[in-house]
């Protein structure tokens, strides 16, 4: 499986069938903080779709290599799509055969296809609709893209401009937590 001239994915990860359809599993060990794969983008649009990742305030794009679209959601993620550094990064050590999973709201403000999470994790968030609908105390548990952080800050600024005491604003704690 080749995705471009410079990078081969065949020794890094493989596409498998799983309980949600398809997923991507590690073919080797990855250490916490390690770049799993460099990202590139195609098909930019202003609204989310099932396969896009939010890269900017109004920039959603398809990810390359295409196999990375099969990184499924988990409320206990082991990878992060760093849209600033353009890399898929390990959040913790990942063993060969372990499925790559990421927290969708870490890059998605609104989602095209919200769903009820069935990850089975002890701190499962339940309904996944994007960061805009997540409580700040939940968002504080995750690494978030700068896009999501900017949107949270914008919400806080909006509350301040309406003379709402920011200490009472639920998003203050999420923004201050980073």
N, C-alpha and C. Protein backbone atom coordinates (compact mmCIF):
# COMPACT_ATOMS: atom_id res chain seq x y z
N UNK A 1 0.85 -1.16 0.00
CA UNK A 1 0.00 0.00 0.00
C UNK A 1 0.90 1.23 0.00
N UNK A 2 0.96 1.94 -1.10
CA UNK A 2 1.77 3.16 -1.20
C UNK A 2 0.84 4.35 -1.30
N UNK A 3 1.19 5.45 -0.60
CA UNK A 3 0.35 6.63 -0.66
C UNK A 3 1.02 7.78 -1.40
N UNK A 4 2.34 7.83 -1.42
CA UNK A 4 3.05 8.81 -2.21
C UNK A 4 4.49 8.34 -2.38
N UNK A 5 5.29 9.12 -3.09
CA UNK A 5 6.66 8.70 -3.38
C UNK A 5 7.55 8.65 -2.14
N UNK A 6 7.26 9.47 -1.13
CA UNK A 6 8.14 9.61 0.00
C UNK A 6 7.80 8.73 1.19
N UNK A 7 6.58 8.28 1.29
CA UNK A 7 6.14 7.56 2.49
C UNK A 7 5.38 6.29 2.12
N UNK A 8 5.71 5.23 2.78
CA UNK A 8 4.99 3.97 2.63
C UNK A 8 4.23 3.72 3.93
N UNK A 9 2.96 3.37 3.83
CA UNK A 9 2.17 3.10 5.02
C UNK A 9 2.15 1.62 5.37
N UNK A 10 2.58 0.75 4.47
CA UNK A 10 2.40 -0.70 4.67
C UNK A 10 3.08 -1.23 5.93
N UNK A 11 4.13 -0.58 6.40
CA UNK A 11 4.79 -1.08 7.61
C UNK A 11 4.38 -0.31 8.87
N UNK A 12 3.52 0.68 8.73
CA UNK A 12 3.09 1.51 9.85
C UNK A 12 1.71 1.15 10.38
N UNK A 13 0.76 0.97 9.47
CA UNK A 13 -0.61 0.67 9.86
C UNK A 13 -1.32 -0.05 8.74
N UNK A 14 -2.45 -0.70 9.11
CA UNK A 14 -3.23 -1.40 8.10
C UNK A 14 -4.72 -1.23 8.38
N UNK A 15 -5.47 -1.24 7.31
CA UNK A 15 -6.93 -1.14 7.38
C UNK A 15 -7.51 -2.51 7.69
N UNK A 16 -8.40 -2.58 8.68
CA UNK A 16 -9.02 -3.84 9.09
C UNK A 16 -10.53 -3.65 9.24
N UNK A 17 -11.26 -4.73 9.19
CA UNK A 17 -12.69 -4.73 9.50
C UNK A 17 -12.83 -4.83 11.01
N UNK A 18 -13.80 -4.10 11.57
CA UNK A 18 -14.03 -4.15 13.01
C UNK A 18 -15.51 -4.00 13.32
N UNK A 19 -15.85 -3.79 14.58
CA UNK A 19 -17.26 -3.72 15.00
C UNK A 19 -17.99 -2.50 14.49
N UNK A 20 -17.29 -1.46 14.01
CA UNK A 20 -17.96 -0.28 13.46
C UNK A 20 -17.80 -0.18 11.95
N UNK A 21 -17.23 -1.20 11.34
CA UNK A 21 -17.03 -1.22 9.90
C UNK A 21 -15.58 -1.44 9.55
N UNK A 22 -14.79 -0.36 9.60
CA UNK A 22 -13.37 -0.43 9.31
C UNK A 22 -12.60 0.40 10.31
N UNK A 23 -11.36 0.04 10.50
CA UNK A 23 -10.49 0.78 11.40
C UNK A 23 -9.04 0.65 10.95
N UNK A 24 -8.20 1.42 11.59
CA UNK A 24 -6.78 1.41 11.25
C UNK A 24 -6.00 0.94 12.46
N UNK A 25 -5.18 -0.08 12.30
CA UNK A 25 -4.40 -0.63 13.41
C UNK A 25 -2.91 -0.44 13.16
N UNK A 26 -2.18 -0.30 14.26
CA UNK A 26 -0.73 -0.15 14.20
C UNK A 26 -0.09 -1.48 13.79
N UNK A 27 0.92 -1.40 12.95
CA UNK A 27 1.68 -2.59 12.57
C UNK A 27 2.98 -2.68 13.33
N UNK A 28 3.29 -1.62 14.09
CA UNK A 28 4.50 -1.62 14.91
C UNK A 28 4.24 -0.78 16.15
N UNK A 29 5.16 -0.78 17.07
CA UNK A 29 5.04 0.02 18.29
C UNK A 29 5.28 1.49 17.97
N UNK A 30 4.49 2.36 18.59
CA UNK A 30 4.69 3.80 18.52
C UNK A 30 4.81 4.32 19.95
N UNK A 31 5.76 5.18 20.19
CA UNK A 31 5.97 5.76 21.52
C UNK A 31 5.16 7.03 21.67
N UNK A 32 4.80 7.34 22.90
CA UNK A 32 4.07 8.58 23.21
C UNK A 32 4.84 9.76 22.61
N UNK A 33 4.10 10.63 21.90
CA UNK A 33 4.68 11.82 21.30
C UNK A 33 5.26 11.61 19.91
N UNK A 34 5.36 10.36 19.49
CA UNK A 34 5.95 10.06 18.18
C UNK A 34 5.00 10.44 17.05
N UNK A 35 5.55 11.00 15.98
CA UNK A 35 4.77 11.25 14.78
C UNK A 35 4.55 9.91 14.08
N UNK A 36 3.30 9.55 13.92
CA UNK A 36 2.96 8.30 13.25
C UNK A 36 3.03 8.47 11.74
N UNK A 37 2.51 9.62 11.28
CA UNK A 37 2.52 9.88 9.84
C UNK A 37 2.31 11.36 9.57
N UNK A 38 3.02 11.92 8.59
CA UNK A 38 2.77 13.31 8.20
C UNK A 38 1.46 13.40 7.41
N UNK A 39 0.75 14.49 7.59
CA UNK A 39 -0.55 14.67 6.95
C UNK A 39 -0.46 15.63 5.78
N UNK A 40 -1.29 15.40 4.79
CA UNK A 40 -1.53 16.39 3.75
C UNK A 40 -3.04 16.41 3.51
N UNK A 41 -3.49 17.41 2.77
CA UNK A 41 -4.92 17.70 2.71
C UNK A 41 -5.38 17.91 1.28
N UNK A 42 -6.66 17.63 1.05
CA UNK A 42 -7.28 17.83 -0.25
C UNK A 42 -8.76 18.11 -0.04
N UNK A 43 -9.43 18.61 -1.08
CA UNK A 43 -10.88 18.79 -1.03
C UNK A 43 -11.36 19.76 0.03
N UNK A 44 -10.75 20.92 0.13
CA UNK A 44 -11.14 21.91 1.14
C UNK A 44 -12.56 22.41 0.90
N UNK A 45 -13.31 22.58 1.99
CA UNK A 45 -14.66 23.13 1.92
C UNK A 45 -14.96 23.90 3.21
N UNK A 46 -16.06 24.63 3.22
CA UNK A 46 -16.37 25.50 4.37
C UNK A 46 -17.24 24.83 5.42
N UNK A 47 -17.74 23.64 5.13
CA UNK A 47 -18.59 22.93 6.08
C UNK A 47 -18.08 21.51 6.28
N UNK A 48 -18.35 20.92 7.46
CA UNK A 48 -17.85 19.57 7.69
C UNK A 48 -18.62 18.53 6.89
N UNK A 49 -17.93 17.43 6.63
CA UNK A 49 -18.59 16.25 6.07
C UNK A 49 -18.13 15.06 6.91
N UNK A 50 -18.66 13.92 6.60
CA UNK A 50 -18.30 12.71 7.36
C UNK A 50 -16.79 12.47 7.39
N UNK A 51 -16.09 12.78 6.30
CA UNK A 51 -14.69 12.41 6.18
C UNK A 51 -13.71 13.55 6.41
N UNK A 52 -14.18 14.77 6.55
CA UNK A 52 -13.25 15.89 6.69
C UNK A 52 -12.80 16.08 8.13
N UNK A 53 -11.69 16.80 8.27
CA UNK A 53 -11.18 17.24 9.56
C UNK A 53 -11.09 18.75 9.51
N UNK A 54 -11.49 19.40 10.59
CA UNK A 54 -11.49 20.87 10.63
C UNK A 54 -10.07 21.38 10.84
N UNK A 55 -9.59 22.19 9.89
CA UNK A 55 -8.23 22.74 9.93
C UNK A 55 -8.21 24.22 10.27
N UNK A 56 -9.31 24.90 10.06
CA UNK A 56 -9.41 26.34 10.31
C UNK A 56 -10.84 26.68 10.68
N UNK A 57 -11.07 27.95 10.97
CA UNK A 57 -12.41 28.36 11.40
C UNK A 57 -13.48 27.90 10.40
N UNK A 58 -13.21 28.06 9.11
CA UNK A 58 -14.15 27.64 8.07
C UNK A 58 -13.44 26.79 7.03
N UNK A 59 -12.50 25.98 7.46
CA UNK A 59 -11.73 25.13 6.55
C UNK A 59 -11.79 23.69 7.04
N UNK A 60 -12.48 22.88 6.27
CA UNK A 60 -12.60 21.45 6.52
C UNK A 60 -12.00 20.77 5.30
N UNK A 61 -11.18 19.74 5.51
CA UNK A 61 -10.51 19.10 4.38
C UNK A 61 -10.43 17.60 4.57
N UNK A 62 -10.33 16.91 3.45
CA UNK A 62 -10.08 15.46 3.46
C UNK A 62 -8.61 15.25 3.75
N UNK A 63 -8.33 14.19 4.46
CA UNK A 63 -6.97 13.90 4.90
C UNK A 63 -6.30 12.91 3.95
N UNK A 64 -5.02 13.10 3.79
CA UNK A 64 -4.21 12.15 3.03
C UNK A 64 -3.06 11.70 3.91
N UNK A 65 -2.70 10.43 3.89
CA UNK A 65 -3.22 9.40 3.01
C UNK A 65 -4.66 9.03 3.37
N UNK A 66 -5.39 8.60 2.39
CA UNK A 66 -6.82 8.33 2.51
C UNK A 66 -7.14 7.32 3.61
N UNK A 67 -6.22 6.40 3.90
CA UNK A 67 -6.47 5.39 4.93
C UNK A 67 -6.73 6.01 6.29
N UNK A 68 -6.20 7.22 6.53
CA UNK A 68 -6.36 7.85 7.84
C UNK A 68 -7.80 8.25 8.14
N UNK A 69 -8.65 8.26 7.13
CA UNK A 69 -10.07 8.54 7.39
C UNK A 69 -10.72 7.44 8.24
N UNK A 70 -10.05 6.31 8.35
CA UNK A 70 -10.59 5.19 9.12
C UNK A 70 -10.10 5.15 10.57
N UNK A 71 -9.50 6.24 11.04
CA UNK A 71 -9.17 6.36 12.46
C UNK A 71 -10.48 6.69 13.16
N UNK A 72 -10.99 5.78 13.95
CA UNK A 72 -12.29 5.92 14.59
C UNK A 72 -12.21 6.72 15.88
N UNK A 73 -13.37 7.07 16.39
CA UNK A 73 -13.50 7.85 17.63
C UNK A 73 -13.32 6.97 18.86
N UNK A 74 -12.79 7.57 19.91
CA UNK A 74 -12.81 7.00 21.25
C UNK A 74 -12.78 8.13 22.26
N UNK A 75 -13.42 7.94 23.39
CA UNK A 75 -13.35 8.89 24.49
C UNK A 75 -12.07 8.69 25.30
N UNK A 76 -11.27 7.69 24.90
CA UNK A 76 -9.95 7.45 25.48
C UNK A 76 -8.98 7.30 24.30
N UNK A 77 -8.67 8.42 23.61
CA UNK A 77 -7.90 8.34 22.36
C UNK A 77 -6.44 7.97 22.59
N UNK A 78 -5.86 7.39 21.55
CA UNK A 78 -4.42 7.12 21.59
C UNK A 78 -3.65 7.91 20.53
N UNK A 79 -4.37 8.62 19.66
CA UNK A 79 -3.73 9.48 18.66
C UNK A 79 -4.43 10.83 18.60
N UNK A 80 -3.72 11.80 18.01
CA UNK A 80 -4.24 13.16 17.84
C UNK A 80 -3.86 13.63 16.45
N UNK A 81 -4.84 14.18 15.72
CA UNK A 81 -4.57 14.81 14.43
C UNK A 81 -4.15 16.25 14.71
N UNK A 82 -2.85 16.51 14.65
CA UNK A 82 -2.33 17.85 14.88
C UNK A 82 -2.39 18.61 13.57
N UNK A 83 -3.43 19.45 13.43
CA UNK A 83 -3.65 20.16 12.18
C UNK A 83 -2.70 21.34 12.00
N UNK A 84 -2.03 21.75 13.06
CA UNK A 84 -1.04 22.82 12.95
C UNK A 84 0.30 22.26 12.44
N UNK A 85 0.71 21.13 12.99
CA UNK A 85 1.98 20.51 12.59
C UNK A 85 1.81 19.53 11.43
N UNK A 86 0.55 19.31 11.03
CA UNK A 86 0.25 18.37 9.94
C UNK A 86 0.85 16.99 10.20
N UNK A 87 0.45 16.43 11.35
CA UNK A 87 0.93 15.10 11.69
C UNK A 87 -0.12 14.35 12.53
N UNK A 88 -0.10 13.05 12.38
CA UNK A 88 -0.83 12.17 13.27
C UNK A 88 0.16 11.77 14.35
N UNK A 89 -0.17 12.03 15.61
CA UNK A 89 0.78 11.84 16.71
C UNK A 89 0.21 10.90 17.76
N UNK A 90 1.07 10.07 18.33
CA UNK A 90 0.69 9.15 19.40
C UNK A 90 0.55 9.91 20.71
N UNK A 91 -0.59 9.77 21.37
CA UNK A 91 -0.83 10.40 22.67
C UNK A 91 -0.29 9.55 23.83
N UNK A 92 -0.06 8.30 23.55
CA UNK A 92 0.49 7.36 24.53
C UNK A 92 1.17 6.26 23.74
N UNK A 93 1.84 5.37 24.41
CA UNK A 93 2.44 4.24 23.71
C UNK A 93 1.33 3.41 23.06
N UNK A 94 1.60 2.95 21.84
CA UNK A 94 0.63 2.16 21.08
C UNK A 94 1.32 0.86 20.67
N UNK A 95 0.69 -0.25 20.99
CA UNK A 95 1.25 -1.57 20.69
C UNK A 95 0.86 -2.01 19.28
N UNK A 96 1.67 -2.86 18.65
CA UNK A 96 1.27 -3.44 17.36
C UNK A 96 -0.07 -4.14 17.50
N UNK A 97 -0.95 -3.94 16.51
CA UNK A 97 -2.28 -4.55 16.54
C UNK A 97 -3.33 -3.69 17.22
N UNK A 98 -2.91 -2.64 17.91
CA UNK A 98 -3.87 -1.75 18.59
C UNK A 98 -4.47 -0.78 17.57
N UNK A 99 -5.78 -0.58 17.67
CA UNK A 99 -6.45 0.33 16.74
C UNK A 99 -6.16 1.77 17.11
N UNK A 100 -5.90 2.59 16.09
CA UNK A 100 -5.77 4.04 16.30
C UNK A 100 -7.15 4.61 16.54
N UNK A 101 -7.28 5.43 17.58
CA UNK A 101 -8.55 6.08 17.92
C UNK A 101 -8.27 7.51 18.33
N UNK A 102 -9.13 8.43 17.90
CA UNK A 102 -8.98 9.82 18.34
C UNK A 102 -10.31 10.38 18.80
N UNK A 103 -10.24 11.43 19.57
CA UNK A 103 -11.41 12.10 20.13
C UNK A 103 -11.90 13.10 19.10
N UNK A 104 -12.99 12.80 18.41
CA UNK A 104 -13.46 13.63 17.30
C UNK A 104 -13.61 15.11 17.67
N UNK A 105 -14.19 15.45 18.83
CA UNK A 105 -14.32 16.88 19.15
C UNK A 105 -12.99 17.61 19.35
N UNK A 106 -11.87 16.90 19.37
CA UNK A 106 -10.58 17.58 19.50
C UNK A 106 -10.26 18.41 18.26
N UNK A 107 -10.90 18.09 17.13
CA UNK A 107 -10.70 18.87 15.91
C UNK A 107 -12.01 19.35 15.29
N UNK A 108 -13.14 18.92 15.82
CA UNK A 108 -14.43 19.24 15.19
C UNK A 108 -15.31 20.10 16.10
N UNK A 109 -15.63 21.31 15.66
CA UNK A 109 -16.52 22.19 16.42
C UNK A 109 -17.96 21.71 16.28
N UNK A 110 -18.37 21.45 15.06
CA UNK A 110 -19.69 20.88 14.75
C UNK A 110 -19.44 19.64 13.90
N UNK A 111 -20.28 18.65 14.03
CA UNK A 111 -20.11 17.43 13.25
C UNK A 111 -21.24 17.25 12.26
N UNK A 112 -20.89 16.76 11.09
CA UNK A 112 -21.87 16.49 10.04
C UNK A 112 -22.79 15.34 10.43
N UNK A 113 -22.24 14.35 11.12
CA UNK A 113 -23.01 13.17 11.50
C UNK A 113 -22.80 12.85 12.99
N UNK A 114 -23.50 13.57 13.89
CA UNK A 114 -23.40 13.24 15.32
C UNK A 114 -23.82 11.79 15.56
N UNK A 115 -23.33 11.23 16.66
CA UNK A 115 -23.64 9.82 16.94
C UNK A 115 -23.56 9.56 18.43
N UNK A 116 -24.16 8.46 18.84
CA UNK A 116 -24.06 7.99 20.22
C UNK A 116 -22.83 7.11 20.32
N UNK A 117 -21.89 7.53 21.14
CA UNK A 117 -20.63 6.80 21.29
C UNK A 117 -20.87 5.47 21.99
N UNK A 118 -20.19 4.47 21.50
CA UNK A 118 -20.26 3.13 22.09
C UNK A 118 -18.85 2.61 22.35
N UNK A 119 -17.95 3.53 22.72
CA UNK A 119 -16.55 3.13 22.91
C UNK A 119 -16.36 2.25 24.14
N UNK A 120 -17.29 2.32 25.09
CA UNK A 120 -17.20 1.47 26.26
C UNK A 120 -16.22 1.93 27.32
N UNK A 121 -15.62 3.09 27.14
CA UNK A 121 -14.66 3.61 28.11
C UNK A 121 -15.38 4.07 29.37
N UNK A 122 -14.69 4.02 30.50
CA UNK A 122 -15.29 4.41 31.78
C UNK A 122 -15.80 5.85 31.75
N UNK A 123 -15.10 6.74 31.05
CA UNK A 123 -15.52 8.14 30.97
C UNK A 123 -16.10 8.46 29.59
N UNK A 124 -16.87 7.54 29.05
CA UNK A 124 -17.50 7.76 27.75
C UNK A 124 -18.39 9.00 27.81
N UNK A 125 -18.29 9.81 26.78
CA UNK A 125 -19.03 11.09 26.73
C UNK A 125 -20.47 10.93 26.28
N UNK A 126 -20.84 9.75 25.76
CA UNK A 126 -22.22 9.57 25.30
C UNK A 126 -22.40 10.11 23.89
N UNK A 127 -23.21 11.15 23.76
CA UNK A 127 -23.50 11.74 22.45
C UNK A 127 -22.32 12.58 21.98
N UNK A 128 -21.84 12.32 20.77
CA UNK A 128 -20.72 13.06 20.18
C UNK A 128 -21.28 13.93 19.06
N UNK A 129 -21.24 15.26 19.29
CA UNK A 129 -21.78 16.21 18.33
C UNK A 129 -20.79 17.29 17.95
N UNK A 130 -19.59 17.24 18.49
CA UNK A 130 -18.59 18.28 18.25
C UNK A 130 -18.31 19.04 19.53
N UNK A 131 -17.19 19.75 19.54
CA UNK A 131 -16.75 20.47 20.75
C UNK A 131 -17.74 21.55 21.18
N UNK A 132 -18.48 22.11 20.24
CA UNK A 132 -19.42 23.19 20.58
C UNK A 132 -20.49 22.74 21.56
N UNK A 133 -20.73 21.45 21.63
CA UNK A 133 -21.79 20.92 22.49
C UNK A 133 -21.25 20.10 23.67
N UNK A 134 -19.94 20.17 23.87
CA UNK A 134 -19.32 19.41 24.96
C UNK A 134 -19.13 20.30 26.18
N UNK A 135 -19.38 19.78 27.38
CA UNK A 135 -19.12 20.56 28.59
C UNK A 135 -17.61 20.83 28.73
N UNK A 136 -17.26 22.02 29.19
CA UNK A 136 -15.84 22.36 29.31
C UNK A 136 -15.06 21.43 30.22
N UNK A 137 -15.70 20.90 31.25
CA UNK A 137 -14.97 19.98 32.13
C UNK A 137 -14.60 18.70 31.41
N UNK A 138 -15.34 18.34 30.37
CA UNK A 138 -14.99 17.18 29.55
C UNK A 138 -13.86 17.55 28.59
N UNK A 139 -13.98 18.70 27.93
CA UNK A 139 -12.97 19.12 26.96
C UNK A 139 -11.59 19.28 27.60
N UNK A 140 -11.55 19.65 28.88
CA UNK A 140 -10.27 19.84 29.57
C UNK A 140 -9.45 18.57 29.66
N UNK A 141 -10.09 17.41 29.47
CA UNK A 141 -9.37 16.13 29.56
C UNK A 141 -8.58 15.81 28.29
N UNK A 142 -8.77 16.59 27.23
CA UNK A 142 -8.23 16.24 25.93
C UNK A 142 -7.31 17.31 25.37
N UNK A 143 -6.39 16.85 24.51
CA UNK A 143 -5.63 17.80 23.69
C UNK A 143 -6.58 18.28 22.60
N UNK A 144 -6.66 19.59 22.42
CA UNK A 144 -7.56 20.18 21.44
C UNK A 144 -6.76 20.96 20.40
N UNK A 145 -7.27 21.00 19.18
CA UNK A 145 -6.61 21.78 18.14
C UNK A 145 -6.72 23.26 18.46
N UNK A 146 -5.85 24.05 17.86
CA UNK A 146 -5.91 25.50 18.08
C UNK A 146 -7.23 26.07 17.55
N UNK A 147 -7.80 25.45 16.54
CA UNK A 147 -9.09 25.89 16.01
C UNK A 147 -10.16 25.79 17.09
N UNK A 148 -10.20 24.66 17.77
CA UNK A 148 -11.20 24.47 18.83
C UNK A 148 -10.93 25.44 19.97
N UNK A 149 -9.67 25.63 20.33
CA UNK A 149 -9.33 26.57 21.40
C UNK A 149 -9.75 28.00 21.02
N UNK A 150 -9.55 28.39 19.77
CA UNK A 150 -9.96 29.73 19.31
C UNK A 150 -11.49 29.87 19.38
N UNK A 151 -12.18 28.82 19.00
CA UNK A 151 -13.65 28.87 19.06
C UNK A 151 -14.13 28.99 20.50
N UNK A 152 -13.48 28.27 21.41
CA UNK A 152 -13.84 28.39 22.83
C UNK A 152 -13.56 29.80 23.34
N UNK A 153 -12.40 30.36 22.95
CA UNK A 153 -12.05 31.72 23.36
C UNK A 153 -13.03 32.73 22.79
N UNK A 154 -13.45 32.53 21.56
CA UNK A 154 -14.43 33.41 20.93
C UNK A 154 -15.74 33.38 21.69
N UNK A 155 -16.15 32.22 22.11
CA UNK A 155 -17.37 32.11 22.90
C UNK A 155 -17.24 32.85 24.24
N UNK A 156 -16.08 32.74 24.85
CA UNK A 156 -15.82 33.45 26.10
C UNK A 156 -15.85 34.96 25.87
N UNK A 157 -15.21 35.42 24.79
CA UNK A 157 -15.21 36.86 24.48
C UNK A 157 -16.61 37.37 24.21
N UNK A 158 -17.41 36.57 23.53
CA UNK A 158 -18.80 36.94 23.26
C UNK A 158 -19.57 37.11 24.56
N UNK A 159 -19.38 36.20 25.48
CA UNK A 159 -20.05 36.29 26.78
C UNK A 159 -19.61 37.54 27.52
N UNK A 160 -18.32 37.87 27.43
CA UNK A 160 -17.80 39.07 28.09
C UNK A 160 -18.39 40.34 27.48
N UNK A 161 -18.53 40.35 26.14
CA UNK A 161 -19.07 41.54 25.47
C UNK A 161 -20.54 41.76 25.79
N UNK A 162 -21.21 40.72 26.25
CA UNK A 162 -22.63 40.83 26.63
C UNK A 162 -22.77 41.07 28.13
N UNK A 163 -21.64 41.45 28.75
CA UNK A 163 -21.60 41.73 30.18
C UNK A 163 -22.01 40.54 31.04
N UNK A 164 -21.69 39.36 30.56
CA UNK A 164 -21.89 38.16 31.37
C UNK A 164 -20.61 37.96 32.16
N UNK A 165 -20.72 37.79 33.45
CA UNK A 165 -19.54 37.61 34.29
C UNK A 165 -18.78 36.37 33.80
N UNK A 166 -17.54 36.55 33.31
CA UNK A 166 -16.81 35.41 32.76
C UNK A 166 -16.55 34.32 33.78
N UNK A 167 -16.57 34.65 35.08
CA UNK A 167 -16.39 33.60 36.09
C UNK A 167 -17.56 32.64 36.07
N UNK A 168 -18.70 33.10 35.56
CA UNK A 168 -19.88 32.24 35.47
C UNK A 168 -20.00 31.58 34.11
N UNK A 169 -19.12 31.97 33.18
CA UNK A 169 -19.19 31.41 31.84
C UNK A 169 -18.59 30.01 31.85
N UNK A 170 -19.32 29.05 31.36
CA UNK A 170 -18.88 27.66 31.42
C UNK A 170 -17.63 27.42 30.58
N UNK A 171 -17.33 28.27 29.60
CA UNK A 171 -16.18 28.05 28.75
C UNK A 171 -14.90 28.64 29.32
N UNK A 172 -15.00 29.48 30.33
CA UNK A 172 -13.80 30.04 30.97
C UNK A 172 -12.92 28.91 31.47
N UNK A 173 -13.51 27.91 32.12
CA UNK A 173 -12.71 26.85 32.70
C UNK A 173 -12.01 26.03 31.63
N UNK A 174 -12.64 25.84 30.46
CA UNK A 174 -12.00 25.09 29.41
C UNK A 174 -10.82 25.86 28.83
N UNK A 175 -11.00 27.15 28.58
CA UNK A 175 -9.93 27.97 28.01
C UNK A 175 -8.81 28.14 29.04
N UNK A 176 -9.14 28.39 30.29
CA UNK A 176 -8.12 28.57 31.32
C UNK A 176 -7.39 27.28 31.63
N UNK A 177 -7.96 26.15 31.30
CA UNK A 177 -7.34 24.87 31.59
C UNK A 177 -6.17 24.54 30.68
N UNK A 178 -5.92 25.37 29.67
CA UNK A 178 -4.86 25.07 28.70
C UNK A 178 -3.74 26.06 28.78
